[in-house]
Amino acid sequence: MDRKADKGEKNVLIFDLGGGTFDVTLLTIESGVFEVKATAGDTHLGGEDFDNRLVDYFATELKTRCGKDCRVNARATRRLRTACERVKRTLSSSTTANIEIDALYEGNDFFSKITRARFEEMCRDQFEKCLEPVKKVLADADMKPQDVNDVVLVGGSTRIPKIQQMVSQFFGGKELNRSINPDEAVAYGAAVQAHILAGGQSSKTDGLLLLDVTPLSLGVETAGGVMSVLIPRNSTMPVQKTQTYSNNAENQRNVEIKVYEGERPLVSQCQCLGTFTLTDIPPMPRGKARINVTFDVNTDGILVVSAVEESGGRKEAITIQNDTGRLSKDQIERMVREAEKFAEEDRANSERIEARNLLENYTFSMRATLDDPDVQNGISQEDRQKIHAAVSCAADWLDGNPEATKDEYMEQTKRVEAVAHPILSEYYKKRVMEAPPSAGSAATQESGGAAPGAGPHSEDVD
């Protein structure tokens, strides 16, 4: 494949259907560089599942004939399974297969026949499941089936004709690449990668480079237990991302940074990889501290997370190995499936928490505004009391309703805005009119704030 790619960039999909697991990888090959674009799969789908269908089919046939269920006997089931594996292999090259087992269970001999068409029908739903990860990797890589130049079959179960037919049809009748022994492909790849990692020298591996991807999204916990993603799933390694966060409390001296991996919006549904604390932060009002959090993943999958407070230069970091506290392949696939299954529910929950955080931040902002000496001198005591009463009412309601709906949080925010906005708008308008032109421009800029999207995006960390 790399020799073919010398002529230019090629997108290659690896379809690996083995005995117990199923993996799909989409990669780009160019000049000896293998860049993984996306991965997906099913850790509970493979040849054994097809064997199980055959075992159930023939066991039911025996029970119909003799009234005996051989599945209650471990030895009989094992003998039947071994015979079914042979039947499955035979059906890859023949349209019919016979099964013959002497004294299978309680002295009953078993002889039967099955056609390839019957086998394909009984496993049709499992065969169709094989296309779901294919669709997922294409979506994750933002590609279409016609963008794939080659489809490589790996794993013994890809010898099944129906599997080959379905994959070929999915890619518009494309001829599948069978140039490598499907049973030996993984061993070839492991040997080449081991040779490279060990520093081996060979003309066959010179210039080869494998760029892998992150299996799950990586991020930190922010206010409300929300997962703030810095490095999305399927990001090519090495990768480095920095995000700016702020303090979540007045005069906060310490900030705890909790690192997670997962695909759900709440950290309670993700895997915690590690925690560290940024200490001795200079006292500042809520939301004024600027803390730059950097995620750095190297080619070996080792993650280094650092946090720096801008004004004082305080820095802390943590290193997370790719084999310590990380999720297994099975757990990764489960988390991805759960994220897809609960996507709508998660979206609604995220919006609810966002609305809650908006209300909380707004009440803090209004209190800080009322404490400003210029504002105190610029609006009447009666107006200040109106705003203060509305803010206090919303804050008390917020404390007593931690699980309110998104609409309820938004309604509370609107109530405070309805009281505060007319009063403060009049104050700022009056301030601009009374100020000299140069000072007026500055006052306008100060009251208006930064332009939307200007500067780094900030969120609160606890």
Protein backbone atom coordinates (compact mmCIF):
# COMPACT_ATOMS: atom_id res chain seq x y z
CA MET A 1 0.00 0.00 0.00
CA ASP A 2 2.82 2.44 0.79
CA ARG A 3 4.44 1.74 -2.58
CA LYS A 4 1.18 2.56 -4.35
CA ALA A 5 0.91 5.74 -2.27
CA ASP A 6 4.21 7.01 -3.69
CA LYS A 7 2.11 8.34 -6.57
CA GLY A 8 0.18 10.59 -4.18
CA GLU A 9 -2.04 10.59 -1.13
CA LYS A 10 -4.38 7.60 -0.77
CA ASN A 11 -7.22 7.03 1.67
CA VAL A 12 -7.30 3.41 2.84
CA LEU A 13 -9.94 1.71 4.96
CA ILE A 14 -8.88 -1.35 6.98
CA PHE A 15 -11.80 -3.71 7.60
CA ASP A 16 -10.66 -6.10 10.35
CA LEU A 17 -13.24 -8.75 11.26
CA GLY A 18 -11.69 -11.47 13.39
CA GLY A 19 -12.90 -14.26 15.61
CA GLY A 20 -14.14 -12.15 18.51
CA THR A 21 -13.71 -8.47 17.68
CA PHE A 22 -14.30 -6.08 14.81
CA ASP A 23 -12.21 -2.99 14.04
CA VAL A 24 -12.34 -0.40 11.28
CA THR A 25 -9.54 2.10 10.67
CA LEU A 26 -9.44 4.85 8.09
CA LEU A 27 -5.96 6.14 7.31
CA THR A 28 -4.16 8.28 4.78
CA ILE A 29 -0.90 7.04 3.23
CA GLU A 30 1.57 9.32 1.50
CA SER A 31 5.33 8.92 1.03
CA GLY A 32 5.63 6.32 3.77
CA VAL A 33 3.58 8.27 6.33
CA PHE A 34 0.54 6.38 7.65
CA GLU A 35 -1.82 8.87 9.30
CA VAL A 36 -4.82 7.40 11.13
CA LYS A 37 -7.88 9.55 10.49
CA ALA A 38 -10.49 7.68 12.52
CA THR A 39 -11.15 4.37 14.24
CA ALA A 40 -14.28 2.50 15.30
CA GLY A 41 -15.39 -1.05 15.95
CA ASP A 42 -17.29 -3.53 18.06
CA THR A 43 -15.48 -5.60 20.68
CA HIS A 44 -18.36 -8.08 20.76
CA LEU A 45 -18.73 -8.95 17.10
CA GLY A 46 -16.80 -11.57 15.16
CA GLY A 47 -16.61 -15.12 13.88
CA GLU A 48 -17.64 -16.59 17.24
CA ASP A 49 -21.01 -14.86 16.93
CA PHE A 50 -21.57 -16.53 13.56
CA ASP A 51 -20.58 -19.87 15.13
CA ASN A 52 -23.14 -19.31 17.89
CA ARG A 53 -25.90 -18.89 15.31
CA LEU A 54 -24.93 -22.20 13.70
CA VAL A 55 -24.77 -23.95 17.08
CA ASP A 56 -28.26 -22.73 17.98
CA TYR A 57 -29.58 -23.72 14.55
CA PHE A 58 -28.27 -27.29 14.66
CA ALA A 59 -29.02 -27.77 18.38
CA THR A 60 -32.63 -26.80 17.71
CA GLU A 61 -32.75 -29.26 14.81
CA LEU A 62 -31.43 -32.07 17.05
CA LYS A 63 -33.98 -31.21 19.73
CA THR A 64 -36.78 -31.33 17.16
CA ARG A 65 -35.67 -34.78 15.99
CA CYS A 66 -34.81 -36.44 19.29
CA GLY A 67 -36.33 -34.25 21.98
CA LYS A 68 -32.86 -33.72 23.47
CA ASP A 69 -31.15 -30.34 23.94
CA CYS A 70 -27.42 -30.93 23.67
CA ARG A 71 -26.66 -27.40 24.90
CA VAL A 72 -27.14 -28.51 28.50
CA ASN A 73 -24.05 -30.70 28.13
CA ALA A 74 -20.71 -28.86 27.89
CA ARG A 75 -18.89 -31.65 26.04
CA ALA A 76 -21.64 -32.05 23.44
CA THR A 77 -21.82 -28.29 22.93
CA ARG A 78 -18.05 -28.10 22.46
CA ARG A 79 -18.11 -30.88 19.83
CA LEU A 80 -21.01 -29.20 18.02
CA ARG A 81 -19.23 -25.82 18.06
CA THR A 82 -16.07 -27.34 16.57
CA ALA A 83 -18.13 -28.89 13.78
CA CYS A 84 -19.94 -25.58 13.19
CA GLU A 85 -16.62 -23.77 12.77
CA ARG A 86 -15.73 -26.24 10.01
CA VAL A 87 -19.14 -25.71 8.39
CA LYS A 88 -18.63 -21.94 8.42
CA ARG A 89 -15.24 -22.25 6.73
CA THR A 90 -16.64 -24.68 4.14
CA LEU A 91 -19.44 -22.26 3.25
CA SER A 92 -16.85 -19.63 2.31
CA SER A 93 -15.84 -21.74 -0.69
CA SER A 94 -18.91 -23.93 -1.25
CA THR A 95 -22.64 -23.29 -1.46
CA THR A 96 -23.50 -26.24 0.84
CA ALA A 97 -21.88 -27.94 3.82
CA ASN A 98 -22.55 -31.18 5.68
CA ILE A 99 -22.22 -31.79 9.41
CA GLU A 100 -21.67 -35.29 10.80
CA ILE A 101 -21.14 -36.04 14.51
CA ASP A 102 -21.30 -39.57 15.92
CA ALA A 103 -22.96 -39.99 19.33
CA LEU A 104 -23.33 -36.26 19.84
CA TYR A 105 -25.60 -36.48 22.89
CA GLU A 106 -26.96 -39.47 24.81
CA GLY A 107 -26.01 -41.84 21.98
CA ASN A 108 -27.76 -39.82 19.27
CA ASP A 109 -25.81 -39.42 16.04
CA PHE A 110 -26.31 -36.13 14.25
CA PHE A 111 -26.15 -35.62 10.49
CA SER A 112 -27.40 -32.52 8.69
CA LYS A 113 -26.81 -30.11 5.83
CA ILE A 114 -26.97 -26.33 5.47
CA THR A 115 -26.76 -24.01 2.47
CA ARG A 116 -24.78 -20.80 2.22
CA ALA A 117 -28.03 -18.91 1.63
CA ARG A 118 -29.48 -20.23 4.89
CA PHE A 119 -26.32 -19.31 6.80
CA GLU A 120 -26.35 -15.78 5.36
CA GLU A 121 -29.99 -15.34 6.28
CA MET A 122 -29.53 -16.43 9.92
CA CYS A 123 -26.55 -14.07 10.33
CA ARG A 124 -27.92 -11.19 8.25
CA ASP A 125 -28.42 -8.81 11.19
CA GLN A 126 -24.86 -9.42 12.40
CA PHE A 127 -23.44 -8.92 8.93
CA GLU A 128 -25.33 -5.62 8.64
CA LYS A 129 -23.89 -4.49 11.98
CA CYS A 130 -20.46 -4.62 10.36
CA LEU A 131 -21.31 -1.57 8.26
CA GLU A 132 -22.11 0.69 11.24
CA PRO A 133 -18.46 1.25 12.29
CA VAL A 134 -17.60 1.84 8.62
CA LYS A 135 -20.17 4.63 8.45
CA LYS A 136 -18.88 6.04 11.73
CA VAL A 137 -15.22 6.31 10.70
CA LEU A 138 -16.23 8.00 7.45
CA ALA A 139 -18.35 10.50 9.38
CA ASP A 140 -15.59 11.13 11.94
CA ALA A 141 -13.06 11.72 9.15
CA ASP A 142 -15.55 13.85 7.18
CA MET A 143 -15.26 11.60 4.14
CA LYS A 144 -17.66 9.87 1.76
CA PRO A 145 -17.41 6.27 0.47
CA GLN A 146 -16.14 7.54 -2.89
CA ASP A 147 -13.22 9.27 -1.12
CA VAL A 148 -11.76 5.87 -0.13
CA ASN A 149 -9.18 4.60 -2.63
CA ASP A 150 -8.65 1.11 -1.21
CA VAL A 151 -10.45 -1.24 1.17
CA VAL A 152 -8.19 -3.83 2.79
CA LEU A 153 -9.72 -6.96 4.32
CA VAL A 154 -8.11 -8.29 7.51
CA GLY A 155 -9.20 -11.14 9.78
CA GLY A 156 -10.39 -14.64 9.00
CA SER A 157 -14.09 -13.73 9.01
CA THR A 158 -13.61 -11.45 5.99
CA ARG A 159 -13.42 -14.64 3.89
CA ILE A 160 -17.21 -14.94 4.18
CA PRO A 161 -18.55 -14.09 0.68
CA LYS A 162 -21.57 -12.16 1.98
CA ILE A 163 -19.32 -9.89 4.05
CA GLN A 164 -17.18 -9.18 0.99
CA GLN A 165 -20.27 -8.50 -1.13
CA MET A 166 -21.79 -6.07 1.39
CA VAL A 167 -18.55 -4.12 1.84
CA SER A 168 -17.97 -3.91 -1.90
CA GLN A 169 -21.53 -2.69 -2.51
CA PHE A 170 -21.21 -0.07 0.23
CA PHE A 171 -18.23 1.39 -1.60
CA GLY A 172 -20.02 1.45 -4.94
CA GLY A 173 -18.87 -1.95 -6.21
CA LYS A 174 -15.20 -1.23 -5.52
CA GLU A 175 -12.85 -4.20 -5.86
CA LEU A 176 -11.58 -5.14 -2.41
CA ASN A 177 -7.87 -5.47 -1.70
CA ARG A 178 -7.05 -9.10 -0.85
CA SER A 179 -3.30 -8.84 -1.44
CA ILE A 180 -2.42 -9.81 2.14
CA ASN A 181 -3.28 -12.97 4.07
CA PRO A 182 -6.09 -11.85 6.42
CA ASP A 183 -4.85 -14.16 9.19
CA GLU A 184 -1.31 -12.77 9.07
CA ALA A 185 -1.91 -9.04 8.50
CA VAL A 186 -1.93 -8.08 12.18
CA ALA A 187 1.28 -10.01 12.83
CA TYR A 188 2.95 -8.25 9.88
CA GLY A 189 1.93 -4.83 11.18
CA ALA A 190 2.98 -5.58 14.76
CA ALA A 191 6.38 -6.83 13.59
CA VAL A 192 7.01 -3.72 11.48
CA GLN A 193 5.95 -1.33 14.25
CA ALA A 194 8.02 -3.21 16.84
CA HIS A 195 11.04 -3.04 14.53
CA ILE A 196 10.61 0.73 14.17
CA LEU A 197 10.09 1.32 17.90
CA ALA A 198 13.16 -0.77 18.70
CA GLY A 199 15.25 1.43 16.43
CA GLY A 200 15.84 -1.26 13.84
CA GLN A 201 17.43 -0.35 10.51
CA SER A 202 16.04 -1.76 7.27
CA SER A 203 15.46 -0.45 3.77
CA LYS A 204 11.91 -1.82 4.00
CA THR A 205 11.03 0.32 7.02
CA ASP A 206 13.15 3.42 6.37
CA GLY A 207 10.90 6.45 6.09
CA LEU A 208 7.81 4.68 7.47
CA LEU A 209 5.90 6.64 10.11
CA LEU A 210 2.63 5.77 11.85
CA LEU A 211 0.56 8.68 13.18
CA ASP A 212 -2.12 7.33 15.54
CA VAL A 213 -5.20 9.09 16.97
CA THR A 214 -6.66 9.67 20.42
CA PRO A 215 -9.36 7.04 21.07
CA LEU A 216 -11.50 9.34 23.26
CA SER A 217 -11.91 13.07 23.86
CA LEU A 218 -9.69 14.62 26.56
CA GLY A 219 -10.69 17.55 28.75
CA VAL A 220 -11.14 19.06 32.21
CA GLU A 221 -14.03 19.56 34.59
CA THR A 222 -15.61 23.03 34.64
CA ALA A 223 -18.40 24.62 36.69
CA GLY A 224 -21.44 22.40 37.07
CA GLY A 225 -19.50 19.20 36.42
CA VAL A 226 -19.32 19.90 32.68
CA MET A 227 -16.65 18.22 30.56
CA SER A 228 -14.70 20.92 28.68
CA VAL A 229 -13.01 19.15 25.76
CA LEU A 230 -9.55 20.34 24.70
CA ILE A 231 -8.57 17.44 22.43
CA PRO A 232 -11.47 15.82 20.53
CA ARG A 233 -11.68 12.11 19.81
CA ASN A 234 -9.73 10.92 16.75
CA SER A 235 -7.21 13.80 16.93
CA THR A 236 -3.92 12.87 15.26
CA MET A 237 -1.02 12.44 17.69
CA PRO A 238 1.15 14.27 18.56
CA VAL A 239 -1.25 17.08 19.42
CA GLN A 240 -1.21 20.10 21.75
CA LYS A 241 -4.13 22.36 22.69
CA THR A 242 -4.42 25.27 25.16
CA GLN A 243 -7.61 26.68 26.68
CA THR A 244 -8.04 29.65 29.04
CA TYR A 245 -10.20 29.30 32.15
CA SER A 246 -11.08 31.61 35.05
CA ASN A 247 -11.67 31.30 38.79
CA ASN A 248 -15.10 30.22 40.00
CA ALA A 249 -15.05 32.01 43.38
CA GLU A 250 -13.99 35.31 44.93
CA ASN A 251 -10.32 35.46 45.98
CA GLN A 252 -9.79 31.80 45.10
CA ARG A 253 -6.22 30.81 46.07
CA ASN A 254 -6.24 27.21 44.78
CA VAL A 255 -7.73 25.69 41.63
CA GLU A 256 -8.13 21.92 41.27
CA ILE A 257 -7.63 20.66 37.72
CA LYS A 258 -9.39 17.33 37.06
CA VAL A 259 -8.47 15.56 33.81
CA TYR A 260 -11.01 13.29 32.09
CA GLU A 261 -11.46 11.21 28.94
CA GLY A 262 -14.82 10.31 27.45
CA GLU A 263 -17.58 11.34 25.07
CA ARG A 264 -20.35 12.40 27.47
CA PRO A 265 -20.92 16.08 28.39
CA LEU A 266 -20.77 15.50 32.16
CA VAL A 267 -17.60 14.34 33.92
CA SER A 268 -19.65 11.99 36.10
CA GLN A 269 -20.11 9.87 32.95
CA CYS A 270 -16.45 10.04 31.90
CA GLN A 271 -13.22 8.46 33.15
CA CYS A 272 -11.03 10.49 35.53
CA LEU A 273 -7.36 10.22 34.53
CA GLY A 274 -5.79 12.39 37.20
CA THR A 275 -6.03 15.48 39.39
CA PHE A 276 -3.59 18.23 40.37
CA THR A 277 -3.89 21.59 42.14
CA LEU A 278 -2.63 25.01 41.08
CA THR A 279 -1.81 26.79 44.37
CA ASP A 280 -0.98 30.31 45.61
CA ILE A 281 -3.04 32.14 43.01
CA PRO A 282 -3.16 35.91 43.72
CA PRO A 283 -6.57 36.91 45.20
CA MET A 284 -8.87 38.18 42.45
CA PRO A 285 -12.60 38.76 41.93
CA ARG A 286 -14.58 35.88 40.50
CA GLY A 287 -13.90 35.39 36.80
CA LYS A 288 -10.83 37.65 36.70
CA ALA A 289 -8.03 35.08 37.03
CA ARG A 290 -6.68 33.74 33.74
CA ILE A 291 -5.52 30.13 33.92
CA ASN A 292 -4.06 28.59 30.76
CA VAL A 293 -4.50 24.81 30.69
CA THR A 294 -2.45 22.92 28.09
CA PHE A 295 -2.92 19.32 26.97
CA ASP A 296 0.07 17.77 25.19
CA VAL A 297 -0.15 14.21 23.81
CA ASN A 298 3.00 12.75 22.25
CA THR A 299 3.28 10.03 19.61
CA ASP A 300 3.29 7.32 22.31
CA GLY A 301 -0.04 8.51 23.71
CA ILE A 302 1.51 9.94 26.89
CA LEU A 303 -0.48 12.95 28.11
CA VAL A 304 1.06 15.93 29.91
CA VAL A 305 -1.39 18.47 31.37
CA SER A 306 -0.08 21.80 32.66
CA ALA A 307 -1.79 24.85 34.16
CA VAL A 308 -0.32 28.36 34.36
CA GLU A 309 -1.83 31.40 36.10
CA GLU A 310 -0.97 34.40 33.91
CA SER A 311 -0.45 37.22 36.42
CA GLY A 312 1.72 35.37 38.94
CA GLY A 313 3.26 32.75 36.67
CA ARG A 314 2.37 29.87 39.01
CA LYS A 315 2.59 26.53 37.16
CA GLU A 316 1.74 22.91 37.93
CA ALA A 317 1.63 19.83 35.69
CA ILE A 318 0.76 16.14 35.66
CA THR A 319 1.92 13.32 33.38
CA ILE A 320 -0.54 10.54 32.53
CA GLN A 321 0.88 7.38 30.96
CA ASN A 322 -1.11 5.66 28.23
CA ASP A 323 -1.35 2.46 30.29
CA THR A 324 -2.19 3.92 33.71
CA GLY A 325 -5.83 4.44 34.59
CA ARG A 326 -6.80 4.54 30.91
CA LEU A 327 -9.81 2.75 29.53
CA SER A 328 -9.56 -0.60 27.81
CA LYS A 329 -10.61 -1.07 24.19
CA ASP A 330 -13.86 -2.65 25.37
CA GLN A 331 -14.61 0.29 27.67
CA ILE A 332 -13.79 2.81 24.93
CA GLU A 333 -16.25 1.19 22.54
CA ARG A 334 -18.90 1.11 25.28
CA MET A 335 -18.44 4.82 26.04
CA VAL A 336 -18.71 5.74 22.36
CA ARG A 337 -21.91 3.69 22.02
CA GLU A 338 -23.39 5.28 25.15
CA ALA A 339 -22.55 8.77 23.87
CA GLU A 340 -24.44 8.03 20.65
CA LYS A 341 -27.36 6.40 22.48
CA PHE A 342 -27.84 9.25 24.96
CA ALA A 343 -26.87 12.11 22.63
CA GLU A 344 -30.25 13.86 22.80
CA GLU A 345 -30.53 13.44 26.57
CA ASP A 346 -26.96 14.69 27.04
CA ARG A 347 -27.61 17.73 24.85
CA ALA A 348 -30.65 18.70 26.92
CA ASN A 349 -28.72 18.22 30.16
CA SER A 350 -25.82 20.32 28.88
CA GLU A 351 -28.19 23.13 27.93
CA ARG A 352 -29.79 22.94 31.39
CA ILE A 353 -26.41 23.26 33.14
CA GLU A 354 -25.38 26.07 30.78
CA ALA A 355 -28.56 27.96 31.67
CA ARG A 356 -27.87 27.42 35.37
CA ASN A 357 -24.29 28.68 35.02
CA LEU A 358 -25.55 31.70 33.06
CA LEU A 359 -27.94 32.63 35.86
CA GLU A 360 -25.27 32.13 38.53
CA ASN A 361 -22.71 34.22 36.61
CA TYR A 362 -25.29 36.94 35.97
CA THR A 363 -26.16 37.29 39.66
CA PHE A 364 -22.45 37.54 40.56
CA SER A 365 -21.94 40.11 37.80
CA MET A 366 -24.85 42.24 39.02
CA ARG A 367 -23.57 42.18 42.60
CA ALA A 368 -20.11 43.27 41.41
CA THR A 369 -21.73 46.07 39.38
CA LEU A 370 -23.69 47.31 42.39
CA ASP A 371 -20.47 47.39 44.44
CA ASP A 372 -18.82 49.69 41.89
CA PRO A 373 -18.51 53.20 43.47
CA ASP A 374 -19.29 54.90 40.13
CA VAL A 375 -22.52 52.91 39.81
CA GLN A 376 -23.46 53.63 43.41
CA ASN A 377 -23.06 57.36 42.75
CA GLY A 378 -24.73 57.21 39.36
CA ILE A 379 -28.07 55.57 40.20
CA SER A 380 -30.52 56.24 42.98
CA GLN A 381 -30.69 54.20 46.16
CA GLU A 382 -34.18 53.11 45.21
CA ASP A 383 -32.97 51.69 41.89
CA ARG A 384 -30.04 49.98 43.59
CA GLN A 385 -32.43 48.34 46.04
CA LYS A 386 -34.64 47.15 43.17
CA ILE A 387 -31.70 45.45 41.45
CA HIS A 388 -30.37 44.07 44.73
CA ALA A 389 -33.77 42.58 45.62
CA ALA A 390 -34.12 40.95 42.18
CA VAL A 391 -30.59 39.53 42.36
CA SER A 392 -31.04 38.21 45.91
CA CYS A 393 -34.36 36.61 44.99
CA ALA A 394 -32.76 34.85 41.99
CA ALA A 395 -29.74 33.72 44.04
CA ASP A 396 -31.97 32.28 46.77
CA TRP A 397 -34.11 30.52 44.17
CA LEU A 398 -30.94 29.14 42.55
CA ASP A 399 -29.72 27.67 45.84
CA GLY A 400 -33.07 25.99 46.43
CA ASN A 401 -33.52 24.62 42.90
CA PRO A 402 -30.31 22.83 41.83
CA GLU A 403 -32.20 20.52 39.44
CA ALA A 404 -34.53 23.01 37.78
CA THR A 405 -35.18 22.90 34.04
CA LYS A 406 -33.44 25.00 31.40
CA ASP A 407 -36.57 27.10 30.86
CA GLU A 408 -36.89 27.79 34.61
CA TYR A 409 -33.28 28.99 34.83
CA MET A 410 -33.75 31.18 31.75
CA GLU A 411 -36.96 32.64 33.20
CA GLN A 412 -35.14 33.63 36.39
CA THR A 413 -32.37 35.28 34.34
CA LYS A 414 -34.95 37.23 32.33
CA ARG A 415 -36.62 38.45 35.54
CA VAL A 416 -33.37 39.91 36.83
CA GLU A 417 -32.59 41.40 33.42
CA ALA A 418 -36.04 43.00 33.26
CA VAL A 419 -35.25 44.92 36.45
CA ALA A 420 -31.54 45.63 35.99
CA HIS A 421 -31.24 46.30 32.26
CA PRO A 422 -33.40 49.48 31.99
CA ILE A 423 -31.75 51.05 35.04
CA LEU A 424 -28.16 50.26 34.03
CA SER A 425 -28.75 51.15 30.37
CA GLU A 426 -29.97 54.58 31.42
CA TYR A 427 -26.95 54.98 33.71
CA TYR A 428 -24.42 54.08 30.98
CA LYS A 429 -26.19 56.29 28.42
CA LYS A 430 -26.08 59.22 30.82
CA ARG A 431 -22.43 58.54 31.62
CA VAL A 432 -21.46 58.59 27.94
CA MET A 433 -23.32 61.86 27.30
CA GLU A 434 -21.69 63.59 30.27
CA ALA A 435 -18.14 62.46 29.52
CA PRO A 436 -15.69 64.32 27.20
CA PRO A 437 -15.34 62.75 23.69
CA SER A 438 -12.12 60.85 24.41
CA ALA A 439 -13.28 59.68 27.80
CA GLY A 440 -16.68 58.89 26.31
CA SER A 441 -15.10 56.53 23.81
CA ALA A 442 -13.27 54.78 26.61
CA ALA A 443 -16.42 54.57 28.69
CA THR A 444 -18.33 53.10 25.78
CA GLN A 445 -15.65 50.50 25.21
CA GLU A 446 -15.54 49.64 28.91
CA SER A 447 -19.28 49.21 29.25
CA GLY A 448 -19.64 47.34 25.98
CA GLY A 449 -16.93 44.79 26.68
CA ALA A 450 -14.88 42.89 24.15
CA ALA A 451 -16.23 42.03 20.76
CA PRO A 452 -17.85 38.61 20.53
CA GLY A 453 -15.25 35.95 19.87
CA ALA A 454 -12.30 38.25 20.67
CA GLY A 455 -9.45 36.66 22.61
CA PRO A 456 -9.26 33.21 24.16
CA HIS A 457 -12.46 31.53 25.25
CA SER A 458 -12.81 31.34 29.06
CA GLU A 459 -14.75 29.08 31.36
CA ASP A 460 -14.83 28.68 35.13
CA VAL A 461 -12.90 25.91 36.84
CA ASP A 462 -13.55 25.01 40.44
